[in-house]
């Protein structure tokens, strides 16, 4: 229930703090005193659309804080937990409205969105007026109210779960069918590609390894060419060793004929032959160390170029060719086993649909059985609300093929205000005063089922008086025995039945006007009810009538 409302700098309200109690609380006051401002402020705290015009003139920011005491298992606390907000203690909704149009939201002193504030506020408070449309126009709300009245919420949740299970099965089937069909269209391409990739057998990292090996062999090729040229010079057809060796032998034979003349030449030539022989040995060893094989280089280049050509063909990196092959193999496996898996998914989706149909049909029967009971419960309230000739109808239409998360039913509340007329939606058939009474009868029938813990009625007694107003007061008091009820009223019969009576007044001079709210004691209540009965001039008769209303309602309570 709402325990406290704090308003700062909203329109005519400069500073206002109100503590609310259980039961029926009424708010009264003269026209223009600020009753609508109070409700606009509460609505702002509950997530209503913000507006810069709500901020008091000359002030940069207004604020509204609403404090609620609700059980630990209440839907509002579940919303907070789902959104990662603290849900311990009171639920505190705070809205800051700036004069520049910006708005900030805090729930339990933690920043939140207006959307979440609206969801939490909807779970905590319902505000109804004679032009209220939320619960009376939207058939989805009608369906929820019918389920709440009949205690079908658990069955409705089971239907929703079955619907999601069926839809997930259908989506899995659709995805797999599309995959199999796509694979079938590409089967020949896939098989040829898998054969080509499998034949080449690419390995991750192979491109880098081959490129490095190719570069190394190309470097070795250049060195080997130079060494081979050296070998040709040293031991080829034009090599210098044979002529030098022949010349050395001739000079050695003639050295005895000219002692000392040829010794240095013979020595130098002998050393040259030794060096050339050493060079030949070194060249041979270098050729063996280089180990260059043109065939190995050619094979490495051919594989590297083949890998890169295949990568370009499939628009992937060379290192991804192996993964591509595995993917294609899996796609072919899906194609080969697709029909069998497709059949299994079809069977699962069909089983889920049948399970949904069974539960939805059961829920539909529950709803149809409850519809007449809800209509009868509302009809029971109508005579004393001077709607004895009216008829309230709960219409349930079902179509087995129109499957939805909420079931297969469309639920609509319809009324007939006079015998012989055609029933229709309440908003189109009922007048403003009739609409408010239908709404009150519906809320009494639902009581604490399908209702927020706090109900606010904004002048639903407008246009009625006497016995009808008294009947409205009785039903508001009856509702207040189960949930908290706040009513803005002009009817003294309603005000007299309140557990708590608040007077909304306006004070100030020509330059500054402010709205104030005060809880009335017994004597002040009598005076206010007398004013409501008599108008501007309060007479002794009005005070006596007010006293009588208060005594009668005190005796009843």
Protein backbone atom coordinates (compact mmCIF):
# COMPACT_ATOMS: atom_id res chain seq x y z
CA UNK A 1 0.00 0.00 0.00
CA UNK A 2 0.98 3.66 -0.41
CA UNK A 3 2.33 4.88 2.92
CA UNK A 4 3.80 8.27 2.10
CA UNK A 5 3.70 10.86 -0.69
CA UNK A 6 6.20 13.72 -0.78
CA UNK A 7 5.82 16.54 -3.33
CA UNK A 8 8.23 19.40 -3.91
CA UNK A 9 7.65 22.34 -6.29
CA UNK A 10 4.99 20.82 -8.51
CA UNK A 11 2.58 23.43 -9.98
CA UNK A 12 0.91 25.03 -6.92
CA UNK A 13 2.47 22.66 -4.39
CA UNK A 14 5.61 24.06 -2.82
CA UNK A 15 6.19 21.46 -0.12
CA UNK A 16 3.77 18.70 0.81
CA UNK A 17 4.14 15.46 2.80
CA UNK A 18 1.20 13.11 3.29
CA UNK A 19 1.11 9.86 5.28
CA UNK A 20 -1.55 7.40 4.10
CA UNK A 21 -3.17 4.63 6.11
CA UNK A 22 -5.01 1.42 5.34
CA UNK A 23 -8.68 1.43 4.45
CA UNK A 24 -10.62 4.12 2.62
CA UNK A 25 -9.07 7.58 2.41
CA UNK A 26 -10.99 10.42 0.77
CA UNK A 27 -9.65 13.71 -0.51
CA UNK A 28 -12.07 16.60 -0.70
CA UNK A 29 -11.86 20.31 -1.31
CA UNK A 30 -13.29 23.12 -3.33
CA UNK A 31 -12.92 23.18 -7.10
CA UNK A 32 -9.47 24.46 -8.04
CA UNK A 33 -7.93 23.66 -4.69
CA UNK A 34 -5.43 21.27 -6.28
CA UNK A 35 -6.92 17.77 -6.20
CA UNK A 36 -5.94 17.13 -9.82
CA UNK A 37 -2.41 18.41 -9.09
CA UNK A 38 -2.11 15.86 -6.30
CA UNK A 39 -3.09 13.02 -8.62
CA UNK A 40 -0.86 14.34 -11.40
CA UNK A 41 2.02 14.31 -8.93
CA UNK A 42 1.29 10.73 -7.90
CA UNK A 43 1.00 9.73 -11.56
CA UNK A 44 4.38 11.32 -12.23
CA UNK A 45 5.93 9.15 -9.50
CA UNK A 46 4.29 6.11 -11.09
CA UNK A 47 5.82 6.70 -14.52
CA UNK A 48 3.39 9.04 -16.26
CA UNK A 49 4.71 11.27 -19.04
CA UNK A 50 6.82 14.11 -17.65
CA UNK A 51 6.15 17.72 -18.56
CA UNK A 52 8.14 20.88 -17.88
CA UNK A 53 4.87 22.71 -17.12
CA UNK A 54 4.50 20.64 -13.94
CA UNK A 55 7.45 22.42 -12.30
CA UNK A 56 6.42 25.35 -10.12
CA UNK A 57 7.00 28.72 -11.75
CA UNK A 58 10.45 30.14 -11.05
CA UNK A 59 11.90 26.80 -9.87
CA UNK A 60 14.40 24.71 -11.86
CA UNK A 61 13.28 21.29 -10.63
CA UNK A 62 10.33 19.57 -8.99
CA UNK A 63 10.30 16.20 -7.25
CA UNK A 64 7.77 13.57 -6.21
CA UNK A 65 8.51 10.59 -3.95
CA UNK A 66 6.05 7.76 -3.29
CA UNK A 67 6.75 5.13 -0.62
CA UNK A 68 5.05 1.73 -0.63
CA UNK A 69 4.88 -1.12 1.86
CA UNK A 70 4.30 -4.37 -0.06
CA UNK A 71 4.90 -8.07 0.70
CA UNK A 72 8.17 -9.73 -0.23
CA UNK A 73 6.53 -11.84 -2.96
CA UNK A 74 4.76 -8.92 -4.63
CA UNK A 75 5.12 -8.52 -8.42
CA UNK A 76 6.74 -5.10 -7.96
CA UNK A 77 9.60 -6.63 -5.97
CA UNK A 78 10.02 -9.34 -8.61
CA UNK A 79 10.41 -6.60 -11.23
CA UNK A 80 13.10 -4.94 -9.13
CA UNK A 81 14.99 -8.22 -8.67
CA UNK A 82 14.77 -9.01 -12.39
CA UNK A 83 16.32 -5.62 -13.17
CA UNK A 84 19.10 -5.89 -10.61
CA UNK A 85 17.69 -3.32 -8.16
CA UNK A 86 17.58 -3.53 -4.38
CA UNK A 87 14.17 -4.75 -3.16
CA UNK A 88 14.75 -4.72 0.59
CA UNK A 89 12.47 -2.66 2.80
CA UNK A 90 9.98 -0.16 1.40
CA UNK A 91 9.64 0.35 -2.34
CA UNK A 92 10.51 4.01 -2.94
CA UNK A 93 9.72 5.61 -6.30
CA UNK A 94 11.27 9.02 -6.90
CA UNK A 95 10.84 11.24 -9.95
CA UNK A 96 12.74 14.46 -10.61
CA UNK A 97 11.21 16.75 -13.23
CA UNK A 98 13.32 19.65 -14.56
CA UNK A 99 11.93 22.89 -15.94
CA UNK A 100 13.85 22.21 -19.17
CA UNK A 101 11.78 19.07 -19.75
CA UNK A 102 14.32 16.48 -18.64
CA UNK A 103 13.30 13.84 -16.14
CA UNK A 104 15.23 11.47 -13.86
CA UNK A 105 14.01 8.32 -12.12
CA UNK A 106 15.18 6.59 -8.96
CA UNK A 107 13.82 3.35 -7.49
CA UNK A 108 15.05 2.61 -3.97
CA UNK A 109 17.64 5.37 -4.52
CA UNK A 110 19.05 3.63 -7.58
CA UNK A 111 18.85 5.18 -11.09
CA UNK A 112 16.24 3.51 -13.28
CA UNK A 113 14.36 4.02 -16.55
CA UNK A 114 10.93 5.58 -16.93
CA UNK A 115 9.79 2.34 -18.58
CA UNK A 116 10.70 0.29 -15.50
CA UNK A 117 9.13 2.94 -13.23
CA UNK A 118 5.92 2.66 -15.24
CA UNK A 119 5.91 -1.15 -14.93
CA UNK A 120 6.53 -1.04 -11.18
CA UNK A 121 3.98 1.74 -10.73
CA UNK A 122 1.36 -0.25 -12.63
CA UNK A 123 1.89 -3.16 -10.23
CA UNK A 124 1.48 -0.89 -7.19
CA UNK A 125 -1.33 1.54 -8.04
CA UNK A 126 -4.35 1.76 -10.32
CA UNK A 127 -5.85 5.19 -10.91
CA UNK A 128 -9.44 5.17 -12.19
CA UNK A 129 -11.68 8.03 -13.17
CA UNK A 130 -14.97 8.32 -14.99
CA UNK A 131 -13.04 8.64 -18.27
CA UNK A 132 -10.55 5.90 -17.47
CA UNK A 133 -9.98 3.54 -20.37
CA UNK A 134 -7.17 1.16 -19.40
CA UNK A 135 -9.14 -1.71 -17.87
CA UNK A 136 -12.23 -1.14 -19.97
CA UNK A 137 -10.99 -0.95 -23.55
CA UNK A 138 -8.04 -3.30 -23.95
CA UNK A 139 -9.30 -6.89 -24.42
CA UNK A 140 -5.90 -8.19 -23.29
CA UNK A 141 -6.58 -6.61 -19.89
CA UNK A 142 -10.06 -8.13 -19.87
CA UNK A 143 -8.55 -11.56 -20.39
CA UNK A 144 -6.09 -11.02 -17.53
CA UNK A 145 -8.89 -9.83 -15.22
CA UNK A 146 -11.01 -12.87 -16.07
CA UNK A 147 -8.05 -15.18 -15.34
CA UNK A 148 -7.41 -13.41 -12.04
CA UNK A 149 -11.07 -13.68 -11.03
CA UNK A 150 -11.21 -17.38 -11.86
CA UNK A 151 -7.79 -18.22 -10.41
CA UNK A 152 -6.48 -19.29 -13.81
CA UNK A 153 -3.18 -17.42 -13.63
CA UNK A 154 -1.20 -20.65 -13.19
CA UNK A 155 -2.96 -22.28 -16.15
CA UNK A 156 -2.38 -19.17 -18.25
CA UNK A 157 1.35 -19.26 -17.43
CA UNK A 158 1.47 -22.95 -18.37
CA UNK A 159 -0.15 -22.13 -21.71
CA UNK A 160 2.40 -19.34 -22.27
CA UNK A 161 5.25 -21.78 -21.56
CA UNK A 162 3.75 -24.36 -23.92
CA UNK A 163 3.37 -21.70 -26.62
CA UNK A 164 7.04 -20.68 -26.29
CA UNK A 165 8.12 -24.33 -26.41
CA UNK A 166 6.09 -24.90 -29.57
CA UNK A 167 7.42 -21.72 -31.22
CA UNK A 168 11.00 -22.67 -30.36
CA UNK A 169 10.40 -26.11 -31.90
CA UNK A 170 8.97 -24.52 -35.05
CA UNK A 171 11.91 -22.15 -35.32
CA UNK A 172 14.44 -24.99 -34.88
CA UNK A 173 12.61 -26.96 -37.56
CA UNK A 174 12.56 -23.98 -39.90
CA UNK A 175 16.26 -23.30 -39.44
CA UNK A 176 17.22 -26.93 -40.04
CA UNK A 177 14.96 -27.23 -43.07
CA UNK A 178 16.52 -24.12 -44.61
CA UNK A 179 19.97 -25.49 -43.89
CA UNK A 180 19.21 -28.85 -45.49
CA UNK A 181 17.65 -27.20 -48.54
CA UNK A 182 20.63 -24.90 -48.96
CA UNK A 183 23.03 -27.82 -48.59
CA UNK A 184 21.07 -29.83 -51.16
CA UNK A 185 21.33 -26.99 -53.68
CA UNK A 186 25.10 -26.91 -53.15
CA UNK A 187 25.67 -30.64 -52.84
CA UNK A 188 27.67 -31.07 -56.06
CA UNK A 189 29.79 -28.03 -55.31
CA UNK A 190 30.39 -29.23 -51.76
CA UNK A 191 31.43 -32.72 -52.82
CA UNK A 192 33.84 -31.40 -55.47
CA UNK A 193 35.31 -28.90 -53.02
CA UNK A 194 35.71 -31.51 -50.27
CA UNK A 195 37.42 -33.87 -52.74
CA UNK A 196 39.78 -31.08 -53.86
CA UNK A 197 40.57 -30.00 -50.31
CA UNK A 198 40.96 -33.55 -49.05
CA UNK A 199 43.36 -34.36 -51.90
CA UNK A 200 45.52 -31.35 -51.06
CA UNK A 201 45.13 -31.87 -47.28
CA UNK A 202 46.06 -28.34 -46.18
CA UNK A 203 47.42 -27.96 -42.67
CA UNK A 204 47.27 -24.90 -40.42
CA UNK A 205 50.56 -22.98 -40.57
CA UNK A 206 51.69 -24.79 -43.71
CA UNK A 207 51.81 -21.64 -45.88
CA UNK A 208 54.33 -19.95 -43.57
CA UNK A 209 56.45 -23.10 -43.38
CA UNK A 210 56.52 -23.54 -47.16
CA UNK A 211 57.25 -19.86 -47.78
CA UNK A 212 60.17 -19.95 -45.34
CA UNK A 213 61.54 -23.15 -46.88
CA UNK A 214 61.24 -21.72 -50.42
CA UNK A 215 63.07 -18.54 -49.43
CA UNK A 216 65.86 -20.55 -47.80
CA UNK A 217 66.27 -22.81 -50.85
CA UNK A 218 66.29 -19.81 -53.19
CA UNK A 219 69.10 -18.29 -51.17
CA UNK A 220 70.90 -21.63 -51.25
CA UNK A 221 70.39 -21.79 -55.04
CA UNK A 222 72.21 -18.49 -55.56
CA UNK A 223 75.18 -19.58 -53.40
CA UNK A 224 75.34 -23.01 -55.07
CA UNK A 225 75.56 -21.39 -58.50
CA UNK A 226 78.57 -19.34 -57.48
CA UNK A 227 80.26 -22.39 -55.91
CA UNK A 228 79.62 -24.40 -59.09
CA UNK A 229 81.20 -21.64 -61.14
CA UNK A 230 84.25 -21.83 -58.84
CA UNK A 231 84.33 -25.59 -59.33
CA UNK A 232 84.29 -25.13 -63.13
CA UNK A 233 87.21 -22.71 -62.90
CA UNK A 234 89.21 -25.06 -60.68
CA UNK A 235 88.46 -28.44 -62.26
CA UNK A 236 86.62 -27.78 -65.48
CA UNK A 237 87.91 -28.08 -69.11
CA UNK A 238 89.61 -24.71 -68.87
CA UNK A 239 90.99 -25.28 -65.40
CA UNK A 240 94.52 -23.90 -64.75
CA UNK A 241 95.79 -26.86 -62.72
CA UNK A 242 96.85 -29.20 -65.65
CA UNK A 243 98.83 -26.51 -67.58
CA UNK A 244 100.55 -25.35 -64.39
CA UNK A 245 101.36 -28.95 -63.40
CA UNK A 246 102.80 -29.66 -66.89
CA UNK A 247 104.87 -26.44 -66.82
CA UNK A 248 106.15 -27.30 -63.31
CA UNK A 249 107.34 -30.71 -64.50
CA UNK A 250 109.23 -29.26 -67.48
CA UNK A 251 110.92 -26.65 -65.33
CA UNK A 252 111.89 -29.27 -62.75
CA UNK A 253 113.60 -31.34 -65.49
CA UNK A 254 115.59 -28.34 -66.66
CA UNK A 255 116.51 -27.01 -63.22
CA UNK A 256 119.78 -28.99 -63.17
CA UNK A 257 120.92 -27.26 -66.38
CA UNK A 258 120.70 -23.81 -64.71
CA UNK A 259 121.40 -24.15 -61.02
CA UNK A 260 119.56 -21.55 -58.92
CA UNK A 261 117.88 -19.87 -61.87
CA UNK A 262 114.53 -21.75 -61.73
CA UNK A 263 114.30 -22.51 -58.00
CA UNK A 264 111.98 -19.60 -57.08
CA UNK A 265 109.69 -20.22 -60.06
CA UNK A 266 109.43 -23.92 -59.28
CA UNK A 267 108.69 -23.10 -55.62
CA UNK A 268 105.95 -20.60 -56.47
CA UNK A 269 104.30 -22.92 -59.01
CA UNK A 270 104.40 -25.79 -56.52
CA UNK A 271 102.72 -23.61 -53.86
CA UNK A 272 100.12 -22.47 -56.42
CA UNK A 273 99.19 -26.06 -57.21
CA UNK A 274 98.87 -26.83 -53.49
CA UNK A 275 96.57 -23.81 -52.99
CA UNK A 276 94.45 -24.67 -56.04
CA UNK A 277 94.11 -28.24 -54.76
CA UNK A 278 93.01 -26.90 -51.32
CA UNK A 279 90.54 -24.59 -53.04
CA UNK A 280 89.11 -27.53 -54.98
CA UNK A 281 88.64 -29.50 -51.76
CA UNK A 282 86.92 -26.51 -50.12
CA UNK A 283 84.60 -26.05 -53.13
CA UNK A 284 83.60 -29.70 -53.02
CA UNK A 285 82.86 -29.46 -49.29
CA UNK A 286 80.78 -26.26 -49.80
CA UNK A 287 78.68 -27.92 -52.50
CA UNK A 288 77.98 -30.84 -50.21
CA UNK A 289 77.05 -28.46 -47.31
CA UNK A 290 74.61 -26.41 -49.45
CA UNK A 291 72.63 -29.56 -50.30
CA UNK A 292 70.55 -27.66 -52.85
CA UNK A 293 68.14 -29.81 -54.81
CA UNK A 294 66.17 -27.98 -57.54
CA UNK A 295 63.52 -30.70 -57.49
CA UNK A 296 62.77 -30.06 -53.80
CA UNK A 297 62.45 -26.31 -54.49
CA UNK A 298 60.12 -27.00 -57.38
CA UNK A 299 57.92 -29.27 -55.25
CA UNK A 300 57.70 -26.68 -52.45
CA UNK A 301 56.77 -23.93 -54.91
CA UNK A 302 54.13 -26.07 -56.59
CA UNK A 303 52.40 -26.87 -53.26
CA UNK A 304 52.59 -23.28 -52.04
CA UNK A 305 51.07 -21.95 -55.25
CA UNK A 306 48.37 -24.67 -55.18
CA UNK A 307 47.39 -23.76 -51.61
CA UNK A 308 47.21 -20.05 -52.41
CA UNK A 309 45.16 -20.66 -55.57
CA UNK A 310 42.65 -22.74 -53.59
CA UNK A 311 42.45 -20.06 -50.88
CA UNK A 312 41.66 -17.42 -53.52
CA UNK A 313 39.02 -19.68 -55.03
CA UNK A 314 37.18 -19.99 -51.71
CA UNK A 315 37.98 -16.43 -50.53
CA UNK A 316 39.62 -17.57 -47.30
CA UNK A 317 43.11 -17.43 -45.84
CA UNK A 318 45.38 -20.42 -46.54
CA UNK A 319 45.41 -21.27 -42.84
CA UNK A 320 41.58 -21.47 -42.90
CA UNK A 321 41.43 -24.07 -45.67
CA UNK A 322 41.51 -26.98 -43.21
CA UNK A 323 38.61 -25.50 -41.20
CA UNK A 324 36.72 -24.86 -44.44
CA UNK A 325 37.14 -28.49 -45.39
CA UNK A 326 35.83 -29.62 -41.99
CA UNK A 327 32.82 -27.28 -42.33
CA UNK A 328 32.03 -28.61 -45.78
CA UNK A 329 32.36 -32.17 -44.54
CA UNK A 330 29.90 -31.35 -41.73
CA UNK A 331 27.51 -29.73 -44.21
CA UNK A 332 27.60 -32.84 -46.32
CA UNK A 333 26.99 -34.93 -43.20
CA UNK A 334 23.98 -32.73 -42.40
CA UNK A 335 22.75 -33.25 -45.92
CA UNK A 336 23.21 -36.97 -45.73
CA UNK A 337 21.56 -37.22 -42.28
CA UNK A 338 19.24 -34.27 -42.84
CA UNK A 339 16.09 -36.15 -43.67
CA UNK A 340 16.32 -38.24 -40.52
CA UNK A 341 16.95 -35.21 -38.29
CA UNK A 342 14.29 -33.24 -40.13
CA UNK A 343 11.78 -35.93 -39.30
CA UNK A 344 12.76 -35.85 -35.62
CA UNK A 345 12.37 -32.06 -35.46
CA UNK A 346 9.01 -32.25 -37.22
CA UNK A 347 7.82 -34.81 -34.70
CA UNK A 348 9.06 -32.68 -31.77
CA UNK A 349 7.35 -29.54 -33.11
CA UNK A 350 4.12 -31.44 -33.67
CA UNK A 351 4.22 -32.86 -30.14
CA UNK A 352 4.78 -29.36 -28.73
CA UNK A 353 1.85 -28.04 -30.75
CA UNK A 354 -0.43 -30.79 -29.54
CA UNK A 355 0.64 -30.12 -25.94
CA UNK A 356 -0.13 -26.42 -26.42
CA UNK A 357 -3.50 -27.18 -28.03
CA UNK A 358 -4.46 -29.40 -25.12
CA UNK A 359 -3.53 -26.84 -22.47
CA UNK A 360 -5.03 -23.92 -24.42
CA UNK A 361 -8.31 -25.81 -24.86
CA UNK A 362 -8.39 -26.56 -21.12
CA UNK A 363 -7.74 -22.88 -20.29
CA UNK A 364 -10.44 -21.86 -22.75
CA UNK A 365 -12.98 -24.07 -20.98
CA UNK A 366 -11.96 -22.57 -17.63
CA UNK A 367 -12.42 -19.07 -19.00
CA UNK A 368 -15.81 -19.82 -20.46
CA UNK A 369 -16.92 -21.35 -17.18
CA UNK A 370 -15.71 -18.32 -15.23
CA UNK A 371 -17.17 -15.71 -17.61
CA UNK A 372 -20.72 -16.21 -16.38
CA UNK A 373 -19.58 -16.13 -12.73
CA UNK A 374 -17.76 -12.82 -13.23
CA UNK A 375 -20.74 -11.36 -15.06
CA UNK A 376 -23.08 -12.49 -12.26
CA UNK A 377 -20.78 -11.01 -9.62
CA UNK A 378 -20.76 -7.64 -11.38
CA UNK A 379 -24.51 -7.79 -12.03
CA UNK A 380 -25.08 -8.31 -8.31
CA UNK A 381 -23.60 -4.86 -7.64
CA UNK A 382 -25.54 -2.97 -10.33
CA UNK A 383 -29.05 -2.57 -8.79
CA UNK A 384 -27.89 -0.51 -5.82
CA UNK A 385 -25.79 1.59 -8.20
CA UNK A 386 -29.04 2.43 -10.02
CA UNK A 387 -28.10 0.28 -12.98
CA UNK A 388 -30.79 -2.32 -12.31
CA UNK A 389 -31.86 -2.34 -15.98
CA UNK A 390 -28.29 -2.73 -17.24
CA UNK A 391 -26.54 -5.95 -18.16
CA UNK A 392 -22.83 -6.75 -17.89
CA UNK A 393 -21.57 -9.38 -20.34
CA UNK A 394 -18.26 -11.22 -20.44
CA UNK A 395 -17.85 -12.41 -24.01
CA UNK A 396 -15.33 -15.17 -24.69
CA UNK A 397 -14.68 -16.12 -28.32
CA UNK A 398 -12.25 -18.90 -29.22
CA UNK A 399 -10.51 -19.99 -32.39
CA UNK A 400 -8.33 -23.09 -32.13
CA UNK A 401 -6.13 -22.03 -35.06
CA UNK A 402 -5.45 -18.56 -33.62
CA UNK A 403 -2.69 -19.71 -31.31
CA UNK A 404 -1.08 -17.06 -29.15
CA UNK A 405 0.99 -16.89 -25.98
CA UNK A 406 -2.17 -15.94 -24.06
CA UNK A 407 -4.18 -18.85 -25.48
CA UNK A 408 -6.84 -19.14 -28.15
CA UNK A 409 -9.43 -16.80 -26.58
CA UNK A 410 -10.48 -13.23 -27.08
CA UNK A 411 -12.20 -11.78 -23.99
CA UNK A 412 -14.21 -8.57 -24.02
CA UNK A 413 -16.40 -6.87 -21.43
CA UNK A 414 -19.61 -5.56 -23.00
CA UNK A 415 -22.68 -3.87 -21.53
CA UNK A 416 -26.31 -3.24 -22.32
CA UNK A 417 -27.64 -0.19 -20.46
CA UNK A 418 -31.30 -0.70 -21.38
CA UNK A 419 -33.35 -3.78 -22.31
CA UNK A 420 -33.84 -4.23 -26.02
CA UNK A 421 -30.67 -2.37 -27.00
CA UNK A 422 -27.66 -3.95 -28.60
CA UNK A 423 -24.76 -4.68 -26.20
CA UNK A 424 -21.44 -3.06 -26.99
CA UNK A 425 -18.10 -2.00 -25.51
CA UNK A 426 -18.53 -0.05 -22.27
CA UNK A 427 -16.68 3.01 -23.54
CA UNK A 428 -19.14 3.34 -26.45
CA UNK A 429 -22.37 2.38 -24.75
CA UNK A 430 -22.17 3.77 -21.21
CA UNK A 431 -22.30 7.44 -20.27
CA UNK A 432 -19.60 8.94 -18.05
CA UNK A 433 -21.54 8.35 -14.83
CA UNK A 434 -22.61 4.86 -15.89
CA UNK A 435 -19.07 3.99 -16.87
CA UNK A 436 -17.72 4.91 -13.44
CA UNK A 437 -20.35 2.74 -11.77
CA UNK A 438 -19.65 -0.23 -14.05
CA UNK A 439 -15.99 0.18 -13.23
CA UNK A 440 -16.67 0.26 -9.50
CA UNK A 441 -18.89 -2.83 -9.72
CA UNK A 442 -16.13 -4.63 -11.63
CA UNK A 443 -13.48 -3.68 -9.08
CA UNK A 444 -15.73 -4.81 -6.21
CA UNK A 445 -16.25 -8.15 -7.97
CA UNK A 446 -12.54 -8.58 -8.49
CA UNK A 447 -11.70 -7.23 -5.01
CA UNK A 448 -8.07 -8.16 -4.33
CA UNK A 449 -7.90 -10.52 -7.32
CA UNK A 450 -6.18 -9.00 -10.34
CA UNK A 451 -5.88 -5.62 -8.66
CA UNK A 452 -3.01 -3.45 -7.53
CA UNK A 453 -2.69 -3.09 -3.71
CA UNK A 454 -3.71 0.58 -3.98
CA UNK A 455 -6.73 1.82 -5.95
CA UNK A 456 -7.28 5.52 -6.63
CA UNK A 457 -10.71 6.68 -7.79
CA UNK A 458 -10.80 10.18 -9.25
CA UNK A 459 -14.31 11.67 -8.88
CA UNK A 460 -16.10 8.54 -10.06
CA UNK A 461 -19.17 9.85 -8.22
CA UNK A 462 -19.44 12.86 -10.54
CA UNK A 463 -22.97 13.32 -11.83
CA UNK A 464 -24.63 11.10 -9.22
CA UNK A 465 -26.11 11.87 -5.85
CA UNK A 466 -28.31 10.60 -3.04
CA UNK A 467 -28.75 6.86 -2.98
CA UNK A 468 -26.31 6.24 -5.86
CA UNK A 469 -23.56 8.20 -4.15
CA UNK A 470 -24.23 6.30 -0.94
CA UNK A 471 -24.06 3.00 -2.83
CA UNK A 472 -20.72 4.06 -4.32
CA UNK A 473 -19.48 4.90 -0.83
CA UNK A 474 -20.58 1.50 0.48
CA UNK A 475 -18.67 -0.30 -2.27
CA UNK A 476 -15.57 1.80 -1.84
CA UNK A 477 -15.64 0.98 1.87
CA UNK A 478 -16.11 -2.70 1.10
CA UNK A 479 -13.12 -2.62 -1.28
CA UNK A 480 -11.08 -0.85 1.39
CA UNK A 481 -11.57 -3.80 3.70
CA UNK A 482 -9.21 -5.79 1.47
CA UNK A 483 -6.99 -3.26 -0.28
CA UNK A 484 -6.09 0.39 0.15
CA UNK A 485 -8.53 2.79 -1.54
CA UNK A 486 -8.04 6.52 -2.16
CA UNK A 487 -10.95 8.49 -3.54
CA UNK A 488 -11.13 12.10 -4.71
CA UNK A 489 -14.80 12.91 -4.20
CA UNK A 490 -17.41 15.65 -4.20
CA UNK A 491 -20.05 13.35 -2.65
CA UNK A 492 -20.64 13.80 1.10
CA UNK A 493 -22.09 10.27 1.25
CA UNK A 494 -18.71 8.91 0.08
CA UNK A 495 -16.69 11.22 2.33
CA UNK A 496 -18.66 10.15 5.38
CA UNK A 497 -17.62 6.51 4.90
CA UNK A 498 -13.87 7.24 4.93
CA UNK A 499 -11.45 5.89 7.48
CA UNK A 500 -9.25 8.93 6.84
CA UNK A 501 -10.40 12.27 5.46
CA UNK A 502 -7.95 14.72 3.83
CA UNK A 503 -8.87 18.28 2.99
CA UNK A 504 -7.14 19.88 0.02
CA UNK A 505 -7.05 23.66 0.28
CA UNK A 506 -5.44 26.61 -1.43
CA UNK A 507 -3.91 29.54 0.41
CA UNK A 508 -1.90 32.68 -0.34
CA UNK A 509 -2.39 36.10 -1.86
CA UNK A 510 -2.39 37.58 -5.32
CA UNK A 511 1.33 36.97 -5.83
CA UNK A 512 1.71 33.49 -4.40
CA UNK A 513 -0.75 30.61 -4.15
CA UNK A 514 0.03 27.19 -2.62
CA UNK A 515 -1.90 23.96 -2.19
CA UNK A 516 -1.98 22.26 1.19
CA UNK A 517 -3.38 18.94 2.47
CA UNK A 518 -4.44 18.25 6.03
CA UNK A 519 -5.94 15.21 7.75
CA UNK A 520 -9.24 16.14 9.42
CA UNK A 521 -10.32 15.26 12.92
CA UNK A 522 -13.96 14.50 13.77
CA UNK A 523 -15.24 18.09 14.13
CA UNK A 524 -13.37 19.32 11.07
CA UNK A 525 -14.76 16.38 9.07
CA UNK A 526 -18.28 17.34 10.05
CA UNK A 527 -17.67 20.91 8.91
CA UNK A 528 -16.21 19.82 5.56
CA UNK A 529 -19.05 17.38 4.88
CA UNK A 530 -21.52 20.14 5.77
CA UNK A 531 -19.81 22.36 3.21
CA UNK A 532 -20.10 19.60 0.62
CA UNK A 533 -23.84 19.36 1.41
CA UNK A 534 -24.65 23.10 1.56
CA UNK A 535 -22.10 24.83 -0.65
CA UNK A 536 -20.53 28.20 0.18
CA UNK A 537 -22.90 29.02 3.10
CA UNK A 538 -22.93 26.28 5.73
CA UNK A 539 -26.26 26.07 7.54
CA UNK A 540 -27.28 24.42 10.81
CA UNK A 541 -29.27 21.94 8.77
CA UNK A 542 -26.16 21.02 6.75
CA UNK A 543 -24.14 20.50 9.92
CA UNK A 544 -26.92 18.33 11.34
CA UNK A 545 -27.07 16.29 8.14
CA UNK A 546 -23.28 15.88 8.18
CA UNK A 547 -23.39 14.73 11.81
CA UNK A 548 -26.10 12.23 10.93
CA UNK A 549 -24.04 10.81 8.03
CA UNK A 550 -20.97 10.42 10.23
CA UNK A 551 -22.96 8.75 13.06
CA UNK A 552 -24.70 6.35 10.67
CA UNK A 553 -21.46 5.30 9.04
CA UNK A 554 -19.71 4.98 12.38
CA UNK A 555 -22.52 2.67 13.53
CA UNK A 556 -22.22 0.59 10.34
CA UNK A 557 -18.45 0.25 10.66
